[in-house]
Amino acid sequence: MLAGLPQSTLDPLQRLQNAAAWVIFNVDKQEHVSPYLEQLHWRPLAVVVVVMVVAVVVVVVVVVVVVVIVVDVVVVAAAVAVVLVVVV
């Protein structure tokens, strides 16, 4: 969903995430936000986008592999059926 968005769109979202961490921990905006994001197990949006893209690619590859396996099984089953019909 976030992949392909320009940085000018992601930056405000990252600032919002940072602000939420500052509010949750009640710390000054001058403090570096990274330790607080880590405590919340929140990743920077740029990392989230990359992970999402990789996950989608993995799912697509798995689906393609499963389809190839199913098609191969169907083709082999059809060949066996033809051989059985010819033999019998």
PDB file of N, CA and C in Angstrom:
ATOM      1  N   MET A   1       0.828  -1.186   0.000  1.00  0.00           N
ATOM      2  CA  MET A   1       0.000   0.000   0.000  1.00  0.00           C
ATOM      3  C   MET A   1       0.877   1.257   0.000  1.00  0.00           C
ATOM      4  N   LEU A   2       1.982   1.215   0.714  1.00  0.00           N
ATOM      5  CA  LEU A   2       2.859   2.382   0.779  1.00  0.00           C
ATOM      6  C   LEU A   2       3.934   2.366  -0.294  1.00  0.00           C
ATOM      7  N   ALA A   3       4.153   1.198  -0.909  1.00  0.00           N
ATOM      8  CA  ALA A   3       5.207   1.092  -1.924  1.00  0.00           C
ATOM      9  C   ALA A   3       4.882   1.988  -3.107  1.00  0.00           C
ATOM     10  N   GLY A   4       5.881   2.678  -3.566  1.00  0.00           N
ATOM     11  CA  GLY A   4       5.700   3.544  -4.719  1.00  0.00           C
ATOM     12  C   GLY A   4       5.286   4.959  -4.373  1.00  0.00           C
ATOM     13  N   LEU A   5       4.963   5.200  -3.103  1.00  0.00           N
ATOM     14  CA  LEU A   5       4.600   6.559  -2.708  1.00  0.00           C
ATOM     15  C   LEU A   5       5.843   7.433  -2.680  1.00  0.00           C
ATOM     16  N   PRO A   6       5.710   8.688  -3.068  1.00  0.00           N
ATOM     17  CA  PRO A   6       6.876   9.572  -3.025  1.00  0.00           C
ATOM     18  C   PRO A   6       7.285   9.851  -1.585  1.00  0.00           C
ATOM     19  N   GLN A   7       8.559  10.196  -1.417  1.00  0.00           N
ATOM     20  CA  GLN A   7       9.093  10.496  -0.082  1.00  0.00           C
ATOM     21  C   GLN A   7       8.323  11.647   0.562  1.00  0.00           C
ATOM     22  N   SER A   8       7.812  12.560  -0.263  1.00  0.00           N
ATOM     23  CA  SER A   8       7.054  13.702   0.277  1.00  0.00           C
ATOM     24  C   SER A   8       5.755  13.251   0.942  1.00  0.00           C
ATOM     25  N   THR A   9       5.279  12.061   0.609  1.00  0.00           N
ATOM     26  CA  THR A   9       4.092  11.508   1.256  1.00  0.00           C
ATOM     27  C   THR A   9       4.489  10.696   2.485  1.00  0.00           C
ATOM     28  N   LEU A  10       5.617   9.993   2.397  1.00  0.00           N
ATOM     29  CA  LEU A  10       6.059   9.167   3.523  1.00  0.00           C
ATOM     30  C   LEU A  10       6.588   9.999   4.688  1.00  0.00           C
ATOM     31  N   ASP A  11       7.218  11.135   4.397  1.00  0.00           N
ATOM     32  CA  ASP A  11       7.791  11.963   5.461  1.00  0.00           C
ATOM     33  C   ASP A  11       6.766  12.401   6.508  1.00  0.00           C
ATOM     34  N   PRO A  12       5.600  12.929   6.101  1.00  0.00           N
ATOM     35  CA  PRO A  12       4.611  13.306   7.131  1.00  0.00           C
ATOM     36  C   PRO A  12       4.134  12.101   7.944  1.00  0.00           C
ATOM     37  N   LEU A  13       4.023  10.940   7.299  1.00  0.00           N
ATOM     38  CA  LEU A  13       3.611   9.746   8.037  1.00  0.00           C
ATOM     39  C   LEU A  13       4.674   9.353   9.062  1.00  0.00           C
ATOM     40  N   GLN A  14       5.950   9.484   8.675  1.00  0.00           N
ATOM     41  CA  GLN A  14       7.033   9.175   9.613  1.00  0.00           C
ATOM     42  C   GLN A  14       7.032  10.173  10.765  1.00  0.00           C
ATOM     43  N   ARG A  15       6.785  11.450  10.466  1.00  0.00           N
ATOM     44  CA  ARG A  15       6.720  12.453  11.536  1.00  0.00           C
ATOM     45  C   ARG A  15       5.574  12.164  12.490  1.00  0.00           C
ATOM     46  N   LEU A  16       4.450  11.684  11.953  1.00  0.00           N
ATOM     47  CA  LEU A  16       3.309  11.325  12.797  1.00  0.00           C
ATOM     48  C   LEU A  16       3.666  10.148  13.702  1.00  0.00           C
ATOM     49  N   GLN A  17       4.343   9.157  13.155  1.00  0.00           N
ATOM     50  CA  GLN A  17       4.769   8.015  13.965  1.00  0.00           C
ATOM     51  C   GLN A  17       5.732   8.474  15.064  1.00  0.00           C
ATOM     52  N   ASN A  18       6.655   9.344  14.711  1.00  0.00           N
ATOM     53  CA  ASN A  18       7.599   9.867  15.696  1.00  0.00           C
ATOM     54  C   ASN A  18       6.864  10.625  16.799  1.00  0.00           C
ATOM     55  N   ALA A  19       5.918  11.464  16.405  1.00  0.00           N
ATOM     56  CA  ALA A  19       5.154  12.251  17.390  1.00  0.00           C
ATOM     57  C   ALA A  19       4.377  11.332  18.329  1.00  0.00           C
ATOM     58  N   ALA A  20       3.819  10.264  17.787  1.00  0.00           N
ATOM     59  CA  ALA A  20       3.082   9.317  18.624  1.00  0.00           C
ATOM     60  C   ALA A  20       4.009   8.695  19.658  1.00  0.00           C
ATOM     61  N   ALA A  21       5.225   8.353  19.266  1.00  0.00           N
ATOM     62  CA  ALA A  21       6.186   7.772  20.218  1.00  0.00           C
ATOM     63  C   ALA A  21       6.545   8.784  21.306  1.00  0.00           C
ATOM     64  N   TRP A  22       6.750  10.045  20.934  1.00  0.00           N
ATOM     65  CA  TRP A  22       7.069  11.066  21.926  1.00  0.00           C
ATOM     66  C   TRP A  22       5.929  11.242  22.923  1.00  0.00           C
ATOM     67  N   VAL A  23       4.688  11.216  22.421  1.00  0.00           N
ATOM     68  CA  VAL A  23       3.527  11.373  23.301  1.00  0.00           C
ATOM     69  C   VAL A  23       3.392  10.162  24.220  1.00  0.00           C
ATOM     70  N   ILE A  24       3.540   8.965  23.670  1.00  0.00           N
ATOM     71  CA  ILE A  24       3.388   7.750  24.473  1.00  0.00           C
ATOM     72  C   ILE A  24       4.395   7.721  25.614  1.00  0.00           C
ATOM     73  N   PHE A  25       5.629   8.139  25.343  1.00  0.00           N
ATOM     74  CA  PHE A  25       6.672   8.098  26.369  1.00  0.00           C
ATOM     75  C   PHE A  25       6.813   9.427  27.117  1.00  0.00           C
ATOM     76  N   ASN A  26       6.023  10.414  26.735  1.00  0.00           N
ATOM     77  CA  ASN A  26       6.024  11.715  27.401  1.00  0.00           C
ATOM     78  C   ASN A  26       7.445  12.301  27.467  1.00  0.00           C
ATOM     79  N   VAL A  27       8.093  12.351  26.307  1.00  0.00           N
ATOM     80  CA  VAL A  27       9.444  12.905  26.236  1.00  0.00           C
ATOM     81  C   VAL A  27       9.448  14.116  25.318  1.00  0.00           C
ATOM     82  N   ASP A  28      10.477  14.914  25.453  1.00  0.00           N
ATOM     83  CA  ASP A  28      10.619  16.129  24.664  1.00  0.00           C
ATOM     84  C   ASP A  28      10.955  15.780  23.212  1.00  0.00           C
ATOM     85  N   LYS A  29      10.471  16.593  22.291  1.00  0.00           N
ATOM     86  CA  LYS A  29      10.713  16.356  20.869  1.00  0.00           C
ATOM     87  C   LYS A  29      12.189  16.460  20.510  1.00  0.00           C
ATOM     88  N   GLN A  30      12.981  17.060  21.383  1.00  0.00           N
ATOM     89  CA  GLN A  30      14.415  17.191  21.100  1.00  0.00           C
ATOM     90  C   GLN A  30      15.155  15.869  21.297  1.00  0.00           C
ATOM     91  N   GLU A  31      14.542  14.943  22.043  1.00  0.00           N
ATOM     92  CA  GLU A  31      15.172  13.641  22.245  1.00  0.00           C
ATOM     93  C   GLU A  31      15.056  12.816  20.968  1.00  0.00           C
ATOM     94  N   HIS A  32      16.064  12.002  20.737  1.00  0.00           N
ATOM     95  CA  HIS A  32      16.045  11.155  19.548  1.00  0.00           C
ATOM     96  C   HIS A  32      14.959  10.093  19.717  1.00  0.00           C
ATOM     97  N   VAL A  33      14.181   9.888  18.677  1.00  0.00           N
ATOM     98  CA  VAL A  33      13.000   9.032  18.769  1.00  0.00           C
ATOM     99  C   VAL A  33      13.309   7.545  18.567  1.00  0.00           C
ATOM    100  N   SER A  34      14.429   7.217  17.964  1.00  0.00           N
ATOM    101  CA  SER A  34      14.718   5.812  17.622  1.00  0.00           C
ATOM    102  C   SER A  34      14.613   4.840  18.798  1.00  0.00           C
ATOM    103  N   PRO A  35      15.177   5.153  19.962  1.00  0.00           N
ATOM    104  CA  PRO A  35      15.049   4.197  21.069  1.00  0.00           C
ATOM    105  C   PRO A  35      13.588   3.945  21.466  1.00  0.00           C
ATOM    106  N   TYR A  36      12.764   4.959  21.358  1.00  0.00           N
ATOM    107  CA  TYR A  36      11.348   4.815  21.729  1.00  0.00           C
ATOM    108  C   TYR A  36      10.588   3.997  20.680  1.00  0.00           C
ATOM    109  N   LEU A  37      10.932   4.226  19.403  1.00  0.00           N
ATOM    110  CA  LEU A  37      10.317   3.419  18.349  1.00  0.00           C
ATOM    111  C   LEU A  37      10.690   1.946  18.524  1.00  0.00           C
ATOM    112  N   GLU A  38      11.941   1.701  18.910  1.00  0.00           N
ATOM    113  CA  GLU A  38      12.376   0.316  19.137  1.00  0.00           C
ATOM    114  C   GLU A  38      11.640  -0.319  20.308  1.00  0.00           C
ATOM    115  N   GLN A  39      11.430   0.441  21.387  1.00  0.00           N
ATOM    116  CA  GLN A  39      10.703  -0.095  22.543  1.00  0.00           C
ATOM    117  C   GLN A  39       9.266  -0.457  22.178  1.00  0.00           C
ATOM    118  N   LEU A  40       8.697   0.285  21.251  1.00  0.00           N
ATOM    119  CA  LEU A  40       7.330   0.002  20.785  1.00  0.00           C
ATOM    120  C   LEU A  40       7.313  -1.074  19.687  1.00  0.00           C
ATOM    121  N   HIS A  41       8.501  -1.518  19.270  1.00  0.00           N
ATOM    122  CA  HIS A  41       8.628  -2.465  18.159  1.00  0.00           C
ATOM    123  C   HIS A  41       8.063  -1.883  16.858  1.00  0.00           C
ATOM    124  N   TRP A  42       8.215  -0.566  16.717  1.00  0.00           N
ATOM    125  CA  TRP A  42       7.803   0.119  15.494  1.00  0.00           C
ATOM    126  C   TRP A  42       9.044   0.323  14.639  1.00  0.00           C
ATOM    127  N   ARG A  43       8.928   0.042  13.367  1.00  0.00           N
ATOM    128  CA  ARG A  43      10.030   0.236  12.442  1.00  0.00           C
ATOM    129  C   ARG A  43       9.797   1.509  11.637  1.00  0.00           C
ATOM    130  N   PRO A  44      10.876   2.151  11.182  1.00  0.00           N
ATOM    131  CA  PRO A  44      10.701   3.312  10.300  1.00  0.00           C
ATOM    132  C   PRO A  44       9.905   2.898   9.061  1.00  0.00           C
ATOM    133  N   LEU A  45       9.116   3.821   8.554  1.00  0.00           N
ATOM    134  CA  LEU A  45       8.245   3.498   7.420  1.00  0.00           C
ATOM    135  C   LEU A  45       9.009   2.995   6.206  1.00  0.00           C
ATOM    136  N   ALA A  46      10.201   3.501   5.981  1.00  0.00           N
ATOM    137  CA  ALA A  46      10.984   3.036   4.833  1.00  0.00           C
ATOM    138  C   ALA A  46      11.278   1.545   4.962  1.00  0.00           C
ATOM    139  N   VAL A  47      11.560   1.084   6.174  1.00  0.00           N
ATOM    140  CA  VAL A  47      11.824  -0.341   6.410  1.00  0.00           C
ATOM    141  C   VAL A  47      10.536  -1.138   6.232  1.00  0.00           C
ATOM    142  N   VAL A  48       9.433  -0.614   6.729  1.00  0.00           N
ATOM    143  CA  VAL A  48       8.141  -1.297   6.604  1.00  0.00           C
ATOM    144  C   VAL A  48       7.781  -1.488   5.133  1.00  0.00           C
ATOM    145  N   VAL A  49       8.010  -0.482   4.319  1.00  0.00           N
ATOM    146  CA  VAL A  49       7.691  -0.567   2.891  1.00  0.00           C
ATOM    147  C   VAL A  49       8.521  -1.665   2.233  1.00  0.00           C
ATOM    148  N   VAL A  50       9.809  -1.711   2.531  1.00  0.00           N
ATOM    149  CA  VAL A  50      10.677  -2.738   1.939  1.00  0.00           C
ATOM    150  C   VAL A  50      10.227  -4.127   2.367  1.00  0.00           C
ATOM    151  N   VAL A  51       9.921  -4.299   3.646  1.00  0.00           N
ATOM    152  CA  VAL A  51       9.476  -5.605   4.148  1.00  0.00           C
ATOM    153  C   VAL A  51       8.171  -6.016   3.476  1.00  0.00           C
ATOM    154  N   MET A  52       7.259  -5.072   3.286  1.00  0.00           N
ATOM    155  CA  MET A  52       5.990  -5.391   2.631  1.00  0.00           C
ATOM    156  C   MET A  52       6.213  -5.833   1.187  1.00  0.00           C
ATOM    157  N   VAL A  53       7.082  -5.154   0.470  1.00  0.00           N
ATOM    158  CA  VAL A  53       7.356  -5.513  -0.917  1.00  0.00           C
ATOM    159  C   VAL A  53       7.983  -6.900  -0.989  1.00  0.00           C
ATOM    160  N   VAL A  54       8.936  -7.173  -0.120  1.00  0.00           N
ATOM    161  CA  VAL A  54       9.573  -8.493  -0.094  1.00  0.00           C
ATOM    162  C   VAL A  54       8.542  -9.570   0.229  1.00  0.00           C
ATOM    163  N   ALA A  55       7.659  -9.303   1.177  1.00  0.00           N
ATOM    164  CA  ALA A  55       6.629 -10.278   1.545  1.00  0.00           C
ATOM    165  C   ALA A  55       5.714 -10.581   0.363  1.00  0.00           C
ATOM    166  N   VAL A  56       5.334  -9.566  -0.374  1.00  0.00           N
ATOM    167  CA  VAL A  56       4.460  -9.774  -1.537  1.00  0.00           C
ATOM    168  C   VAL A  56       5.187 -10.604  -2.591  1.00  0.00           C
ATOM    169  N   VAL A  57       6.451 -10.312  -2.823  1.00  0.00           N
ATOM    170  CA  VAL A  57       7.223 -11.073  -3.803  1.00  0.00           C
ATOM    171  C   VAL A  57       7.315 -12.542  -3.379  1.00  0.00           C
ATOM    172  N   VAL A  58       7.560 -12.790  -2.105  1.00  0.00           N
ATOM    173  CA  VAL A  58       7.645 -14.170  -1.611  1.00  0.00           C
ATOM    174  C   VAL A  58       6.316 -14.887  -1.811  1.00  0.00           C
ATOM    175  N   VAL A  59       5.225 -14.235  -1.494  1.00  0.00           N
ATOM    176  CA  VAL A  59       3.904 -14.856  -1.666  1.00  0.00           C
ATOM    177  C   VAL A  59       3.660 -15.186  -3.132  1.00  0.00           C
ATOM    178  N   VAL A  60       3.984 -14.285  -4.019  1.00  0.00           N
ATOM    179  CA  VAL A  60       3.784 -14.526  -5.454  1.00  0.00           C
ATOM    180  C   VAL A  60       4.624 -15.717  -5.913  1.00  0.00           C
ATOM    181  N   VAL A  61       5.865 -15.787  -5.480  1.00  0.00           N
ATOM    182  CA  VAL A  61       6.729 -16.907  -5.865  1.00  0.00           C
ATOM    183  C   VAL A  61       6.159 -18.219  -5.340  1.00  0.00           C
ATOM    184  N   VAL A  62       5.697 -18.243  -4.095  1.00  0.00           N
ATOM    185  CA  VAL A  62       5.118 -19.463  -3.528  1.00  0.00           C
ATOM    186  C   VAL A  62       3.884 -19.878  -4.317  1.00  0.00           C
ATOM    187  N   VAL A  63       3.034 -18.941  -4.663  1.00  0.00           N
ATOM    188  CA  VAL A  63       1.826 -19.259  -5.430  1.00  0.00           C
ATOM    189  C   VAL A  63       2.201 -19.834  -6.793  1.00  0.00           C
ATOM    190  N   VAL A  64       3.172 -19.237  -7.443  1.00  0.00           N
ATOM    191  CA  VAL A  64       3.604 -19.735  -8.756  1.00  0.00           C
ATOM    192  C   VAL A  64       4.147 -21.158  -8.629  1.00  0.00           C
ATOM    193  N   VAL A  65       4.951 -21.408  -7.623  1.00  0.00           N
ATOM    194  CA  VAL A  65       5.499 -22.751  -7.420  1.00  0.00           C
ATOM    195  C   VAL A  65       4.380 -23.758  -7.171  1.00  0.00           C
ATOM    196  N   VAL A  66       3.415 -23.396  -6.343  1.00  0.00           N
ATOM    197  CA  VAL A  66       2.294 -24.300  -6.056  1.00  0.00           C
ATOM    198  C   VAL A  66       1.499 -24.573  -7.330  1.00  0.00           C
ATOM    199  N   VAL A  67       1.248 -23.556  -8.118  1.00  0.00           N
ATOM    200  CA  VAL A  67       0.500 -23.735  -9.369  1.00  0.00           C
ATOM    201  C   VAL A  67       1.261 -24.666 -10.307  1.00  0.00           C
ATOM    202  N   VAL A  68       2.563 -24.490 -10.416  1.00  0.00           N
ATOM    203  CA  VAL A  68       3.371 -25.352 -11.281  1.00  0.00           C
ATOM    204  C   VAL A  68       3.298 -26.792 -10.790  1.00  0.00           C
ATOM    205  N   ILE A  69       3.396 -26.989  -9.488  1.00  0.00           N
ATOM    206  CA  ILE A  69       3.321 -28.349  -8.937  1.00  0.00           C
ATOM    207  C   ILE A  69       1.956 -28.968  -9.218  1.00  0.00           C
ATOM    208  N   VAL A  70       0.889 -28.211  -9.009  1.00  0.00           N
ATOM    209  CA  VAL A  70      -0.467 -28.727  -9.247  1.00  0.00           C
ATOM    210  C   VAL A  70      -0.656 -29.069 -10.717  1.00  0.00           C
ATOM    211  N   VAL A  71      -0.197 -28.194 -11.593  1.00  0.00           N
ATOM    212  CA  VAL A  71      -0.336 -28.448 -13.031  1.00  0.00           C
ATOM    213  C   VAL A  71       0.446 -29.705 -13.410  1.00  0.00           C
ATOM    214  N   ASP A  72       1.643 -29.860 -12.873  1.00  0.00           N
ATOM    215  CA  ASP A  72       2.430 -31.063 -13.160  1.00  0.00           C
ATOM    216  C   ASP A  72       1.706 -32.316 -12.675  1.00  0.00           C
ATOM    217  N   VAL A  73       1.122 -32.269 -11.490  1.00  0.00           N
ATOM    218  CA  VAL A  73       0.400 -33.421 -10.951  1.00  0.00           C
ATOM    219  C   VAL A  73      -0.789 -33.755 -11.844  1.00  0.00           C
ATOM    220  N   VAL A  74      -1.503 -32.739 -12.289  1.00  0.00           N
ATOM    221  CA  VAL A  74      -2.664 -32.962 -13.151  1.00  0.00           C
ATOM    222  C   VAL A  74      -2.228 -33.567 -14.485  1.00  0.00           C
ATOM    223  N   VAL A  75      -1.143 -33.064 -15.050  1.00  0.00           N
ATOM    224  CA  VAL A  75      -0.646 -33.587 -16.324  1.00  0.00           C
ATOM    225  C   VAL A  75      -0.211 -35.046 -16.162  1.00  0.00           C
ATOM    226  N   VAL A  76       0.493 -35.363 -15.096  1.00  0.00           N
ATOM    227  CA  VAL A  76       0.922 -36.742 -14.853  1.00  0.00           C
ATOM    228  C   VAL A  76      -0.290 -37.629 -14.643  1.00  0.00           C
ATOM    229  N   ALA A  77      -1.265 -37.180 -13.866  1.00  0.00           N
ATOM    230  CA  ALA A  77      -2.473 -37.970 -13.639  1.00  0.00           C
ATOM    231  C   ALA A  77      -3.215 -38.218 -14.950  1.00  0.00           C
ATOM    232  N   ALA A  78      -3.281 -37.223 -15.803  1.00  0.00           N
ATOM    233  CA  ALA A  78      -3.952 -37.382 -17.091  1.00  0.00           C
ATOM    234  C   ALA A  78      -3.189 -38.383 -17.964  1.00  0.00           C
ATOM    235  N   ALA A  79      -1.882 -38.316 -17.947  1.00  0.00           N
ATOM    236  CA  ALA A  79      -1.078 -39.258 -18.741  1.00  0.00           C
ATOM    237  C   ALA A  79      -1.272 -40.680 -18.246  1.00  0.00           C
ATOM    238  N   VAL A  80      -1.296 -40.855 -16.916  1.00  0.00           N
ATOM    239  CA  VAL A  80      -1.529 -42.185 -16.342  1.00  0.00           C
ATOM    240  C   VAL A  80      -2.911 -42.678 -16.731  1.00  0.00           C
ATOM    241  N   ALA A  81      -3.889 -41.827 -16.699  1.00  0.00           N
ATOM    242  CA  ALA A  81      -5.261 -42.219 -17.074  1.00  0.00           C
ATOM    243  C   ALA A  81      -5.309 -42.649 -18.533  1.00  0.00           C
ATOM    244  N   VAL A  82      -4.613 -41.937 -19.405  1.00  0.00           N
ATOM    245  CA  VAL A  82      -4.587 -42.302 -20.827  1.00  0.00           C
ATOM    246  C   VAL A  82      -3.913 -43.657 -21.002  1.00  0.00           C
ATOM    247  N   VAL A  83      -2.809 -43.877 -20.333  1.00  0.00           N
ATOM    248  CA  VAL A  83      -2.103 -45.154 -20.422  1.00  0.00           C
ATOM    249  C   VAL A  83      -3.000 -46.282 -19.918  1.00  0.00           C
ATOM    250  N   LEU A  84      -3.687 -46.063 -18.817  1.00  0.00           N
ATOM    251  CA  LEU A  84      -4.577 -47.100 -18.272  1.00  0.00           C
ATOM    252  C   LEU A  84      -5.723 -47.413 -19.232  1.00  0.00           C
ATOM    253  N   VAL A  85      -6.250 -46.382 -19.890  1.00  0.00           N
ATOM    254  CA  VAL A  85      -7.341 -46.602 -20.839  1.00  0.00           C
ATOM    255  C   VAL A  85      -6.836 -47.397 -22.038  1.00  0.00           C
ATOM    256  N   VAL A  86      -5.652 -47.072 -22.523  1.00  0.00           N
ATOM    257  CA  VAL A  86      -5.079 -47.760 -23.674  1.00  0.00           C
ATOM    258  C   VAL A  86      -4.756 -49.211 -23.322  1.00  0.00           C
ATOM    259  N   VAL A  87      -4.204 -49.436 -22.141  1.00  0.00           N
ATOM    260  CA  VAL A  87      -3.808 -50.773 -21.727  1.00  0.00           C
ATOM    261  C   VAL A  87      -5.034 -51.640 -21.475  1.00  0.00           C
ATOM    262  N   VAL A  88      -6.031 -51.099 -20.869  1.00  0.00           N
ATOM    263  CA  VAL A  88      -7.226 -51.891 -20.526  1.00  0.00           C
ATOM    264  C   VAL A  88      -8.086 -51.957 -21.737  1.00  0.00           C
TER     265      VAL A  88
END
